[in-house]
Amino acid sequence: MPKLKVGHISPTPEEDAAINAGIAADPDAVDLDDEWFAEAKPASETLPQIFGAKIAQKMLKPRGRPRAKYPKERINIRLSHEVIEHFKASGDGWQTRIDSALRQFITEHPSR
């Protein structure tokens, strides 16, 4: 069983029975069985028919930040306590500021 969040309160058996009775009495509540899923189609097929291609394209556009061409790599690095405290003292984003400082160093000290 999955771990429950702090403060979670499960319904009592009586409350659960009342919820299920309400679902059974609702004419709009439909059981989605294997037959329903066998006939289901992906949104990419049905949305253009309902809303048109342009709106469907916007609705199906992936969310979030686009993938970077060269994503940052996760590494382990040992830095002195003073360096870490200096960057952490200015708040969130301290790892990004370390990255920026190292980039500046590279710019000012080009390799031979």
PDB file of N, CA and C in Angstrom:
ATOM      1  N   MET A   1       0.852  -1.181   0.000  1.00  0.00           N
ATOM      2  CA  MET A   1       0.000   0.000   0.000  1.00  0.00           C
ATOM      3  C   MET A   1       0.894   1.238   0.000  1.00  0.00           C
ATOM      4  N   PRO A   2       0.541   2.259  -0.801  1.00  0.00           N
ATOM      5  CA  PRO A   2       1.386   3.454  -0.841  1.00  0.00           C
ATOM      6  C   PRO A   2       1.366   4.212   0.473  1.00  0.00           C
ATOM      7  N   LYS A   3       2.451   4.943   0.700  1.00  0.00           N
ATOM      8  CA  LYS A   3       2.549   5.742   1.908  1.00  0.00           C
ATOM      9  C   LYS A   3       1.594   6.931   1.793  1.00  0.00           C
ATOM     10  N   LEU A   4       0.815   7.178   2.844  1.00  0.00           N
ATOM     11  CA  LEU A   4      -0.160   8.260   2.824  1.00  0.00           C
ATOM     12  C   LEU A   4       0.469   9.552   3.307  1.00  0.00           C
ATOM     13  N   LYS A   5      -0.019  10.682   2.775  1.00  0.00           N
ATOM     14  CA  LYS A   5       0.495  11.983   3.175  1.00  0.00           C
ATOM     15  C   LYS A   5       0.110  12.288   4.618  1.00  0.00           C
ATOM     16  N   VAL A   6       0.909  13.120   5.241  1.00  0.00           N
ATOM     17  CA  VAL A   6       0.631  13.540   6.612  1.00  0.00           C
ATOM     18  C   VAL A   6      -0.725  14.241   6.645  1.00  0.00           C
ATOM     19  N   GLY A   7      -1.543  13.909   7.606  1.00  0.00           N
ATOM     20  CA  GLY A   7      -2.852  14.533   7.738  1.00  0.00           C
ATOM     21  C   GLY A   7      -3.951  13.840   6.938  1.00  0.00           C
ATOM     22  N   HIS A   8      -3.613  12.782   6.199  1.00  0.00           N
ATOM     23  CA  HIS A   8      -4.612  12.063   5.409  1.00  0.00           C
ATOM     24  C   HIS A   8      -5.610  11.380   6.339  1.00  0.00           C
ATOM     25  N   ILE A   9      -6.874  11.497   5.994  1.00  0.00           N
ATOM     26  CA  ILE A   9      -7.928  10.830   6.762  1.00  0.00           C
ATOM     27  C   ILE A   9      -8.725   9.977   5.784  1.00  0.00           C
ATOM     28  N   SER A  10      -8.678   8.669   5.956  1.00  0.00           N
ATOM     29  CA  SER A  10      -9.430   7.768   5.089  1.00  0.00           C
ATOM     30  C   SER A  10     -10.895   7.768   5.506  1.00  0.00           C
ATOM     31  N   PRO A  11     -11.804   7.569   4.539  1.00  0.00           N
ATOM     32  CA  PRO A  11     -13.218   7.497   4.905  1.00  0.00           C
ATOM     33  C   PRO A  11     -13.509   6.236   5.720  1.00  0.00           C
ATOM     34  N   THR A  12     -14.476   6.343   6.583  1.00  0.00           N
ATOM     35  CA  THR A  12     -14.905   5.177   7.356  1.00  0.00           C
ATOM     36  C   THR A  12     -15.628   4.230   6.405  1.00  0.00           C
ATOM     37  N   PRO A  13     -15.819   2.983   6.794  1.00  0.00           N
ATOM     38  CA  PRO A  13     -16.571   2.068   5.924  1.00  0.00           C
ATOM     39  C   PRO A  13     -17.979   2.598   5.595  1.00  0.00           C
ATOM     40  N   GLU A  14     -18.617   3.266   6.578  1.00  0.00           N
ATOM     41  CA  GLU A  14     -19.956   3.825   6.325  1.00  0.00           C
ATOM     42  C   GLU A  14     -19.889   4.945   5.279  1.00  0.00           C
ATOM     43  N   GLU A  15     -18.891   5.831   5.424  1.00  0.00           N
ATOM     44  CA  GLU A  15     -18.721   6.923   4.463  1.00  0.00           C
ATOM     45  C   GLU A  15     -18.382   6.376   3.076  1.00  0.00           C
ATOM     46  N   ASP A  16     -17.546   5.357   3.038  1.00  0.00           N
ATOM     47  CA  ASP A  16     -17.177   4.738   1.771  1.00  0.00           C
ATOM     48  C   ASP A  16     -18.408   4.126   1.097  1.00  0.00           C
ATOM     49  N   ALA A  17     -19.264   3.484   1.882  1.00  0.00           N
ATOM     50  CA  ALA A  17     -20.495   2.897   1.337  1.00  0.00           C
ATOM     51  C   ALA A  17     -21.410   3.989   0.790  1.00  0.00           C
ATOM     52  N   ALA A  18     -21.517   5.122   1.496  1.00  0.00           N
ATOM     53  CA  ALA A  18     -22.349   6.228   1.034  1.00  0.00           C
ATOM     54  C   ALA A  18     -21.798   6.817  -0.263  1.00  0.00           C
ATOM     55  N   ILE A  19     -20.489   6.917  -0.370  1.00  0.00           N
ATOM     56  CA  ILE A  19     -19.866   7.423  -1.601  1.00  0.00           C
ATOM     57  C   ILE A  19     -20.177   6.490  -2.760  1.00  0.00           C
ATOM     58  N   ASN A  20     -19.991   5.195  -2.551  1.00  0.00           N
ATOM     59  CA  ASN A  20     -20.255   4.223  -3.618  1.00  0.00           C
ATOM     60  C   ASN A  20     -21.728   4.191  -4.004  1.00  0.00           C
ATOM     61  N   ALA A  21     -22.636   4.376  -3.036  1.00  0.00           N
ATOM     62  CA  ALA A  21     -24.071   4.418  -3.348  1.00  0.00           C
ATOM     63  C   ALA A  21     -24.382   5.643  -4.201  1.00  0.00           C
ATOM     64  N   GLY A  22     -23.740   6.774  -3.889  1.00  0.00           N
ATOM     65  CA  GLY A  22     -23.929   7.984  -4.691  1.00  0.00           C
ATOM     66  C   GLY A  22     -23.433   7.809  -6.109  1.00  0.00           C
ATOM     67  N   ILE A  23     -22.312   7.129  -6.266  1.00  0.00           N
ATOM     68  CA  ILE A  23     -21.779   6.860  -7.603  1.00  0.00           C
ATOM     69  C   ILE A  23     -22.737   5.963  -8.376  1.00  0.00           C
ATOM     70  N   ALA A  24     -23.234   4.919  -7.723  1.00  0.00           N
ATOM     71  CA  ALA A  24     -24.163   3.986  -8.385  1.00  0.00           C
ATOM     72  C   ALA A  24     -25.456   4.680  -8.786  1.00  0.00           C
ATOM     73  N   ALA A  25     -25.904   5.677  -8.004  1.00  0.00           N
ATOM     74  CA  ALA A  25     -27.165   6.375  -8.299  1.00  0.00           C
ATOM     75  C   ALA A  25     -26.992   7.455  -9.375  1.00  0.00           C
ATOM     76  N   ASP A  26     -25.766   7.853  -9.673  1.00  0.00           N
ATOM     77  CA  ASP A  26     -25.519   8.923 -10.657  1.00  0.00           C
ATOM     78  C   ASP A  26     -25.651   8.368 -12.071  1.00  0.00           C
ATOM     79  N   PRO A  27     -26.604   8.877 -12.853  1.00  0.00           N
ATOM     80  CA  PRO A  27     -26.789   8.352 -14.214  1.00  0.00           C
ATOM     81  C   PRO A  27     -25.632   8.703 -15.147  1.00  0.00           C
ATOM     82  N   ASP A  28     -24.845   9.728 -14.797  1.00  0.00           N
ATOM     83  CA  ASP A  28     -23.719  10.120 -15.650  1.00  0.00           C
ATOM     84  C   ASP A  28     -22.441   9.338 -15.335  1.00  0.00           C
ATOM     85  N   ALA A  29     -22.421   8.623 -14.221  1.00  0.00           N
ATOM     86  CA  ALA A  29     -21.247   7.839 -13.855  1.00  0.00           C
ATOM     87  C   ALA A  29     -21.250   6.547 -14.670  1.00  0.00           C
ATOM     88  N   VAL A  30     -20.182   6.323 -15.405  1.00  0.00           N
ATOM     89  CA  VAL A  30     -20.104   5.152 -16.280  1.00  0.00           C
ATOM     90  C   VAL A  30     -18.881   4.328 -15.888  1.00  0.00           C
ATOM     91  N   ASP A  31     -19.061   3.021 -15.815  1.00  0.00           N
ATOM     92  CA  ASP A  31     -17.919   2.142 -15.581  1.00  0.00           C
ATOM     93  C   ASP A  31     -17.136   2.021 -16.882  1.00  0.00           C
ATOM     94  N   LEU A  32     -15.842   2.293 -16.823  1.00  0.00           N
ATOM     95  CA  LEU A  32     -14.993   2.179 -17.998  1.00  0.00           C
ATOM     96  C   LEU A  32     -14.387   0.783 -17.994  1.00  0.00           C
ATOM     97  N   ASP A  33     -14.983  -0.101 -18.784  1.00  0.00           N
ATOM     98  CA  ASP A  33     -14.545  -1.486 -18.818  1.00  0.00           C
ATOM     99  C   ASP A  33     -13.570  -1.709 -19.977  1.00  0.00           C
ATOM    100  N   ASP A  34     -13.135  -2.939 -20.154  1.00  0.00           N
ATOM    101  CA  ASP A  34     -12.179  -3.287 -21.208  1.00  0.00           C
ATOM    102  C   ASP A  34     -12.730  -2.958 -22.596  1.00  0.00           C
ATOM    103  N   GLU A  35     -14.027  -3.132 -22.787  1.00  0.00           N
ATOM    104  CA  GLU A  35     -14.641  -2.833 -24.084  1.00  0.00           C
ATOM    105  C   GLU A  35     -14.527  -1.343 -24.399  1.00  0.00           C
ATOM    106  N   TRP A  36     -14.769  -0.506 -23.388  1.00  0.00           N
ATOM    107  CA  TRP A  36     -14.659   0.947 -23.597  1.00  0.00           C
ATOM    108  C   TRP A  36     -13.225   1.318 -23.982  1.00  0.00           C
ATOM    109  N   PHE A  37     -12.238   0.761 -23.263  1.00  0.00           N
ATOM    110  CA  PHE A  37     -10.844   1.077 -23.551  1.00  0.00           C
ATOM    111  C   PHE A  37     -10.412   0.546 -24.911  1.00  0.00           C
ATOM    112  N   ALA A  38     -10.995  -0.582 -25.353  1.00  0.00           N
ATOM    113  CA  ALA A  38     -10.654  -1.136 -26.667  1.00  0.00           C
ATOM    114  C   ALA A  38     -11.088  -0.194 -27.785  1.00  0.00           C
ATOM    115  N   GLU A  39     -12.182   0.545 -27.572  1.00  0.00           N
ATOM    116  CA  GLU A  39     -12.687   1.468 -28.586  1.00  0.00           C
ATOM    117  C   GLU A  39     -12.136   2.886 -28.450  1.00  0.00           C
ATOM    118  N   ALA A  40     -11.440   3.158 -27.363  1.00  0.00           N
ATOM    119  CA  ALA A  40     -10.918   4.503 -27.119  1.00  0.00           C
ATOM    120  C   ALA A  40      -9.838   4.850 -28.140  1.00  0.00           C
ATOM    121  N   LYS A  41      -9.760   6.138 -28.496  1.00  0.00           N
ATOM    122  CA  LYS A  41      -8.765   6.623 -29.447  1.00  0.00           C
ATOM    123  C   LYS A  41      -7.920   7.687 -28.768  1.00  0.00           C
ATOM    124  N   PRO A  42      -6.665   7.849 -29.198  1.00  0.00           N
ATOM    125  CA  PRO A  42      -5.814   8.874 -28.590  1.00  0.00           C
ATOM    126  C   PRO A  42      -6.319  10.281 -28.899  1.00  0.00           C
ATOM    127  N   ALA A  43      -5.996  11.197 -28.014  1.00  0.00           N
ATOM    128  CA  ALA A  43      -6.423  12.593 -28.179  1.00  0.00           C
ATOM    129  C   ALA A  43      -5.908  13.177 -29.487  1.00  0.00           C
ATOM    130  N   SER A  44      -4.726  12.749 -29.931  1.00  0.00           N
ATOM    131  CA  SER A  44      -4.165  13.283 -31.172  1.00  0.00           C
ATOM    132  C   SER A  44      -5.047  12.972 -32.384  1.00  0.00           C
ATOM    133  N   GLU A  45      -5.886  11.955 -32.283  1.00  0.00           N
ATOM    134  CA  GLU A  45      -6.804  11.621 -33.376  1.00  0.00           C
ATOM    135  C   GLU A  45      -8.148  12.336 -33.245  1.00  0.00           C
ATOM    136  N   THR A  46      -8.631  12.484 -32.016  1.00  0.00           N
ATOM    137  CA  THR A  46      -9.984  13.011 -31.839  1.00  0.00           C
ATOM    138  C   THR A  46     -10.056  14.528 -31.684  1.00  0.00           C
ATOM    139  N   LEU A  47      -9.048  15.151 -31.067  1.00  0.00           N
ATOM    140  CA  LEU A  47      -9.111  16.600 -30.845  1.00  0.00           C
ATOM    141  C   LEU A  47      -9.191  17.413 -32.134  1.00  0.00           C
ATOM    142  N   PRO A  48      -8.423  17.076 -33.196  1.00  0.00           N
ATOM    143  CA  PRO A  48      -8.557  17.863 -34.430  1.00  0.00           C
ATOM    144  C   PRO A  48      -9.975  17.816 -35.012  1.00  0.00           C
ATOM    145  N   GLN A  49     -10.667  16.697 -34.838  1.00  0.00           N
ATOM    146  CA  GLN A  49     -12.034  16.582 -35.352  1.00  0.00           C
ATOM    147  C   GLN A  49     -12.996  17.457 -34.551  1.00  0.00           C
ATOM    148  N   ILE A  50     -12.725  17.610 -33.258  1.00  0.00           N
ATOM    149  CA  ILE A  50     -13.622  18.375 -32.382  1.00  0.00           C
ATOM    150  C   ILE A  50     -13.330  19.867 -32.443  1.00  0.00           C
ATOM    151  N   PHE A  51     -12.059  20.249 -32.351  1.00  0.00           N
ATOM    152  CA  PHE A  51     -11.696  21.657 -32.217  1.00  0.00           C
ATOM    153  C   PHE A  51     -11.027  22.257 -33.447  1.00  0.00           C
ATOM    154  N   GLY A  52     -10.611  21.443 -34.389  1.00  0.00           N
ATOM    155  CA  GLY A  52      -9.851  21.930 -35.534  1.00  0.00           C
ATOM    156  C   GLY A  52      -8.363  21.718 -35.289  1.00  0.00           C
ATOM    157  N   ALA A  53      -7.604  21.678 -36.383  1.00  0.00           N
ATOM    158  CA  ALA A  53      -6.185  21.325 -36.299  1.00  0.00           C
ATOM    159  C   ALA A  53      -5.369  22.336 -35.502  1.00  0.00           C
ATOM    160  N   LYS A  54      -5.627  23.629 -35.696  1.00  0.00           N
ATOM    161  CA  LYS A  54      -4.809  24.657 -35.051  1.00  0.00           C
ATOM    162  C   LYS A  54      -4.956  24.630 -33.521  1.00  0.00           C
ATOM    163  N   ILE A  55      -6.185  24.566 -33.039  1.00  0.00           N
ATOM    164  CA  ILE A  55      -6.426  24.535 -31.591  1.00  0.00           C
ATOM    165  C   ILE A  55      -5.949  23.209 -31.006  1.00  0.00           C
ATOM    166  N   ALA A  56      -6.168  22.108 -31.734  1.00  0.00           N
ATOM    167  CA  ALA A  56      -5.724  20.801 -31.251  1.00  0.00           C
ATOM    168  C   ALA A  56      -4.208  20.767 -31.110  1.00  0.00           C
ATOM    169  N   GLN A  57      -3.506  21.406 -32.038  1.00  0.00           N
ATOM    170  CA  GLN A  57      -2.041  21.437 -31.974  1.00  0.00           C
ATOM    171  C   GLN A  57      -1.584  22.156 -30.705  1.00  0.00           C
ATOM    172  N   LYS A  58      -2.259  23.261 -30.354  1.00  0.00           N
ATOM    173  CA  LYS A  58      -1.922  23.977 -29.118  1.00  0.00           C
ATOM    174  C   LYS A  58      -2.216  23.124 -27.889  1.00  0.00           C
ATOM    175  N   MET A  59      -3.335  22.409 -27.919  1.00  0.00           N
ATOM    176  CA  MET A  59      -3.722  21.586 -26.773  1.00  0.00           C
ATOM    177  C   MET A  59      -2.768  20.406 -26.580  1.00  0.00           C
ATOM    178  N   LEU A  60      -2.205  19.895 -27.653  1.00  0.00           N
ATOM    179  CA  LEU A  60      -1.341  18.718 -27.579  1.00  0.00           C
ATOM    180  C   LEU A  60       0.131  19.077 -27.426  1.00  0.00           C
ATOM    181  N   LYS A  61       0.444  20.380 -27.406  1.00  0.00           N
ATOM    182  CA  LYS A  61       1.832  20.816 -27.273  1.00  0.00           C
ATOM    183  C   LYS A  61       2.361  20.375 -25.911  1.00  0.00           C
ATOM    184  N   PRO A  62       3.561  19.771 -25.889  1.00  0.00           N
ATOM    185  CA  PRO A  62       4.119  19.352 -24.596  1.00  0.00           C
ATOM    186  C   PRO A  62       4.313  20.541 -23.667  1.00  0.00           C
ATOM    187  N   ARG A  63       4.109  20.307 -22.377  1.00  0.00           N
ATOM    188  CA  ARG A  63       4.270  21.364 -21.384  1.00  0.00           C
ATOM    189  C   ARG A  63       5.681  21.360 -20.838  1.00  0.00           C
ATOM    190  N   GLY A  64       6.002  22.442 -20.182  1.00  0.00           N
ATOM    191  CA  GLY A  64       7.291  22.523 -19.510  1.00  0.00           C
ATOM    192  C   GLY A  64       8.374  23.103 -20.383  1.00  0.00           C
ATOM    193  N   ARG A  65       9.549  23.144 -19.825  1.00  0.00           N
ATOM    194  CA  ARG A  65      10.708  23.708 -20.497  1.00  0.00           C
ATOM    195  C   ARG A  65      11.154  22.767 -21.614  1.00  0.00           C
ATOM    196  N   PRO A  66      11.504  23.325 -22.783  1.00  0.00           N
ATOM    197  CA  PRO A  66      12.013  22.459 -23.850  1.00  0.00           C
ATOM    198  C   PRO A  66      13.340  21.809 -23.436  1.00  0.00           C
ATOM    199  N   ARG A  67      13.602  20.658 -23.969  1.00  0.00           N
ATOM    200  CA  ARG A  67      14.842  19.961 -23.660  1.00  0.00           C
ATOM    201  C   ARG A  67      16.032  20.774 -24.162  1.00  0.00           C
ATOM    202  N   ALA A  68      17.052  20.897 -23.320  1.00  0.00           N
ATOM    203  CA  ALA A  68      18.261  21.616 -23.700  1.00  0.00           C
ATOM    204  C   ALA A  68      19.094  20.743 -24.634  1.00  0.00           C
ATOM    205  N   LYS A  69      19.783  21.396 -25.575  1.00  0.00           N
ATOM    206  CA  LYS A  69      20.641  20.659 -26.487  1.00  0.00           C
ATOM    207  C   LYS A  69      21.759  19.978 -25.700  1.00  0.00           C
ATOM    208  N   TYR A  70      22.317  20.703 -24.734  1.00  0.00           N
ATOM    209  CA  TYR A  70      23.359  20.163 -23.865  1.00  0.00           C
ATOM    210  C   TYR A  70      22.907  20.333 -22.417  1.00  0.00           C
ATOM    211  N   PRO A  71      22.140  19.383 -21.891  1.00  0.00           N
ATOM    212  CA  PRO A  71      21.651  19.525 -20.517  1.00  0.00           C
ATOM    213  C   PRO A  71      22.801  19.470 -19.512  1.00  0.00           C
ATOM    214  N   LYS A  72      22.579  20.085 -18.367  1.00  0.00           N
ATOM    215  CA  LYS A  72      23.595  20.048 -17.314  1.00  0.00           C
ATOM    216  C   LYS A  72      23.745  18.616 -16.828  1.00  0.00           C
ATOM    217  N   GLU A  73      24.974  18.291 -16.432  1.00  0.00           N
ATOM    218  CA  GLU A  73      25.262  16.943 -15.951  1.00  0.00           C
ATOM    219  C   GLU A  73      25.315  16.936 -14.430  1.00  0.00           C
ATOM    220  N   ARG A  74      24.793  15.872 -13.865  1.00  0.00           N
ATOM    221  CA  ARG A  74      24.867  15.696 -12.415  1.00  0.00           C
ATOM    222  C   ARG A  74      26.217  15.052 -12.101  1.00  0.00           C
ATOM    223  N   ILE A  75      26.972  15.725 -11.227  1.00  0.00           N
ATOM    224  CA  ILE A  75      28.275  15.201 -10.817  1.00  0.00           C
ATOM    225  C   ILE A  75      28.418  15.349  -9.313  1.00  0.00           C
ATOM    226  N   ASN A  76      29.445  14.719  -8.768  1.00  0.00           N
ATOM    227  CA  ASN A  76      29.821  14.930  -7.369  1.00  0.00           C
ATOM    228  C   ASN A  76      31.117  15.712  -7.379  1.00  0.00           C
ATOM    229  N   ILE A  77      31.185  16.761  -6.588  1.00  0.00           N
ATOM    230  CA  ILE A  77      32.385  17.576  -6.501  1.00  0.00           C
ATOM    231  C   ILE A  77      32.585  17.958  -5.043  1.00  0.00           C
ATOM    232  N   ARG A  78      33.837  17.944  -4.619  1.00  0.00           N
ATOM    233  CA  ARG A  78      34.148  18.304  -3.243  1.00  0.00           C
ATOM    234  C   ARG A  78      34.648  19.737  -3.237  1.00  0.00           C
ATOM    235  N   LEU A  79      33.926  20.616  -2.553  1.00  0.00           N
ATOM    236  CA  LEU A  79      34.303  22.023  -2.436  1.00  0.00           C
ATOM    237  C   LEU A  79      34.511  22.353  -0.968  1.00  0.00           C
ATOM    238  N   SER A  80      35.311  23.380  -0.723  1.00  0.00           N
ATOM    239  CA  SER A  80      35.577  23.766   0.657  1.00  0.00           C
ATOM    240  C   SER A  80      34.308  24.300   1.310  1.00  0.00           C
ATOM    241  N   HIS A  81      34.276  24.167   2.624  1.00  0.00           N
ATOM    242  CA  HIS A  81      33.130  24.626   3.401  1.00  0.00           C
ATOM    243  C   HIS A  81      32.873  26.121   3.160  1.00  0.00           C
ATOM    244  N   GLU A  82      33.950  26.904   3.085  1.00  0.00           N
ATOM    245  CA  GLU A  82      33.810  28.359   2.902  1.00  0.00           C
ATOM    246  C   GLU A  82      33.144  28.689   1.565  1.00  0.00           C
ATOM    247  N   VAL A  83      33.502  27.951   0.516  1.00  0.00           N
ATOM    248  CA  VAL A  83      32.910  28.199  -0.810  1.00  0.00           C
ATOM    249  C   VAL A  83      31.414  27.899  -0.768  1.00  0.00           C
ATOM    250  N   ILE A  84      31.051  26.772  -0.221  1.00  0.00           N
ATOM    251  CA  ILE A  84      29.636  26.387  -0.148  1.00  0.00           C
ATOM    252  C   ILE A  84      28.857  27.389   0.688  1.00  0.00           C
ATOM    253  N   GLU A  85      29.360  27.760   1.857  1.00  0.00           N
ATOM    254  CA  GLU A  85      28.660  28.721   2.717  1.00  0.00           C
ATOM    255  C   GLU A  85      28.498  30.067   2.035  1.00  0.00           C
ATOM    256  N   HIS A  86      29.528  30.513   1.312  1.00  0.00           N
ATOM    257  CA  HIS A  86      29.453  31.800   0.604  1.00  0.00           C
ATOM    258  C   HIS A  86      28.296  31.799  -0.400  1.00  0.00           C
ATOM    259  N   PHE A  87      28.210  30.756  -1.211  1.00  0.00           N
ATOM    260  CA  PHE A  87      27.170  30.704  -2.240  1.00  0.00           C
ATOM    261  C   PHE A  87      25.791  30.425  -1.642  1.00  0.00           C
ATOM    262  N   LYS A  88      25.697  29.581  -0.623  1.00  0.00           N
ATOM    263  CA  LYS A  88      24.405  29.294   0.009  1.00  0.00           C
ATOM    264  C   LYS A  88      23.853  30.500   0.761  1.00  0.00           C
ATOM    265  N   ALA A  89      24.750  31.377   1.251  1.00  0.00           N
ATOM    266  CA  ALA A  89      24.320  32.539   2.044  1.00  0.00           C
ATOM    267  C   ALA A  89      23.442  33.487   1.237  1.00  0.00           C
ATOM    268  N   SER A  90      23.586  33.488  -0.074  1.00  0.00           N
ATOM    269  CA  SER A  90      22.776  34.396  -0.895  1.00  0.00           C
ATOM    270  C   SER A  90      21.468  33.757  -1.355  1.00  0.00           C
ATOM    271  N   GLY A  91      21.125  32.602  -0.809  1.00  0.00           N
ATOM    272  CA  GLY A  91      19.803  32.016  -1.046  1.00  0.00           C
ATOM    273  C   GLY A  91      19.768  30.949  -2.128  1.00  0.00           C
ATOM    274  N   ASP A  92      18.528  30.626  -2.529  1.00  0.00           N
ATOM    275  CA  ASP A  92      18.313  29.595  -3.548  1.00  0.00           C
ATOM    276  C   ASP A  92      19.035  29.960  -4.840  1.00  0.00           C
ATOM    277  N   GLY A  93      19.400  28.934  -5.590  1.00  0.00           N
ATOM    278  CA  GLY A  93      20.108  29.139  -6.845  1.00  0.00           C
ATOM    279  C   GLY A  93      21.618  29.137  -6.672  1.00  0.00           C
ATOM    280  N   TRP A  94      22.088  28.701  -5.516  1.00  0.00           N
ATOM    281  CA  TRP A  94      23.526  28.752  -5.241  1.00  0.00           C
ATOM    282  C   TRP A  94      24.322  27.858  -6.181  1.00  0.00           C
ATOM    283  N   GLN A  95      23.758  26.727  -6.595  1.00  0.00           N
ATOM    284  CA  GLN A  95      24.477  25.862  -7.532  1.00  0.00           C
ATOM    285  C   GLN A  95      24.607  26.532  -8.892  1.00  0.00           C
ATOM    286  N   THR A  96      23.572  27.249  -9.302  1.00  0.00           N
ATOM    287  CA  THR A  96      23.622  27.984 -10.562  1.00  0.00           C
ATOM    288  C   THR A  96      24.675  29.080 -10.484  1.00  0.00           C
ATOM    289  N   ARG A  97      24.785  29.733  -9.331  1.00  0.00           N
ATOM    290  CA  ARG A  97      25.807  30.780  -9.177  1.00  0.00           C
ATOM    291  C   ARG A  97      27.210  30.187  -9.195  1.00  0.00           C
ATOM    292  N   ILE A  98      27.399  29.005  -8.648  1.00  0.00           N
ATOM    293  CA  ILE A  98      28.704  28.346  -8.747  1.00  0.00           C
ATOM    294  C   ILE A  98      29.013  28.052 -10.211  1.00  0.00           C
ATOM    295  N   ASP A  99      28.019  27.556 -10.945  1.00  0.00           N
ATOM    296  CA  ASP A  99      28.191  27.283 -12.372  1.00  0.00           C
ATOM    297  C   ASP A  99      28.591  28.564 -13.108  1.00  0.00           C
ATOM    298  N   SER A 100      27.925  29.667 -12.779  1.00  0.00           N
ATOM    299  CA  SER A 100      28.224  30.956 -13.411  1.00  0.00           C
ATOM    300  C   SER A 100      29.646  31.412 -13.094  1.00  0.00           C
ATOM    301  N   ALA A 101      30.063  31.235 -11.836  1.00  0.00           N
ATOM    302  CA  ALA A 101      31.421  31.622 -11.444  1.00  0.00           C
ATOM    303  C   ALA A 101      32.457  30.793 -12.194  1.00  0.00           C
ATOM    304  N   LEU A 102      32.190  29.514 -12.366  1.00  0.00           N
ATOM    305  CA  LEU A 102      33.125  28.665 -13.106  1.00  0.00           C
ATOM    306  C   LEU A 102      33.165  29.044 -14.585  1.00  0.00           C
ATOM    307  N   ARG A 103      32.013  29.408 -15.153  1.00  0.00           N
ATOM    308  CA  ARG A 103      31.982  29.873 -16.542  1.00  0.00           C
ATOM    309  C   ARG A 103      32.796  31.152 -16.706  1.00  0.00           C
ATOM    310  N   GLN A 104      32.653  32.063 -15.740  1.00  0.00           N
ATOM    311  CA  GLN A 104      33.413  33.316 -15.783  1.00  0.00           C
ATOM    312  C   GLN A 104      34.916  33.015 -15.720  1.00  0.00           C
ATOM    313  N   PHE A 105      35.296  32.071 -14.872  1.00  0.00           N
ATOM    314  CA  PHE A 105      36.701  31.677 -14.772  1.00  0.00           C
ATOM    315  C   PHE A 105      37.209  31.165 -16.115  1.00  0.00           C
ATOM    316  N   ILE A 106      36.415  30.345 -16.782  1.00  0.00           N
ATOM    317  CA  ILE A 106      36.806  29.797 -18.087  1.00  0.00           C
ATOM    318  C   ILE A 106      37.009  30.927 -19.090  1.00  0.00           C
ATOM    319  N   THR A 107      36.109  31.924 -19.080  1.00  0.00           N
ATOM    320  CA  THR A 107      36.218  33.054 -19.992  1.00  0.00           C
ATOM    321  C   THR A 107      37.487  33.861 -19.719  1.00  0.00           C
ATOM    322  N   GLU A 108      37.784  34.085 -18.455  1.00  0.00           N
ATOM    323  CA  GLU A 108      38.941  34.899 -18.095  1.00  0.00           C
ATOM    324  C   GLU A 108      40.263  34.140 -18.158  1.00  0.00           C
ATOM    325  N   HIS A 109      40.206  32.818 -18.162  1.00  0.00           N
ATOM    326  CA  HIS A 109      41.410  31.991 -18.194  1.00  0.00           C
ATOM    327  C   HIS A 109      41.277  30.938 -19.309  1.00  0.00           C
ATOM    328  N   PRO A 110      41.347  31.374 -20.577  1.00  0.00           N
ATOM    329  CA  PRO A 110      41.182  30.401 -21.664  1.00  0.00           C
ATOM    330  C   PRO A 110      42.301  29.359 -21.652  1.00  0.00           C
ATOM    331  N   SER A 111      41.946  28.136 -22.027  1.00  0.00           N
ATOM    332  CA  SER A 111      42.954  27.083 -22.062  1.00  0.00           C
ATOM    333  C   SER A 111      43.892  27.317 -23.239  1.00  0.00           C
ATOM    334  N   ARG A 112      45.094  26.832 -23.115  1.00  0.00           N
ATOM    335  CA  ARG A 112      46.127  27.070 -24.148  1.00  0.00           C
ATOM    336  C   ARG A 112      45.986  26.126 -25.294  1.00  0.00           C
TER     337      ARG A 112
END
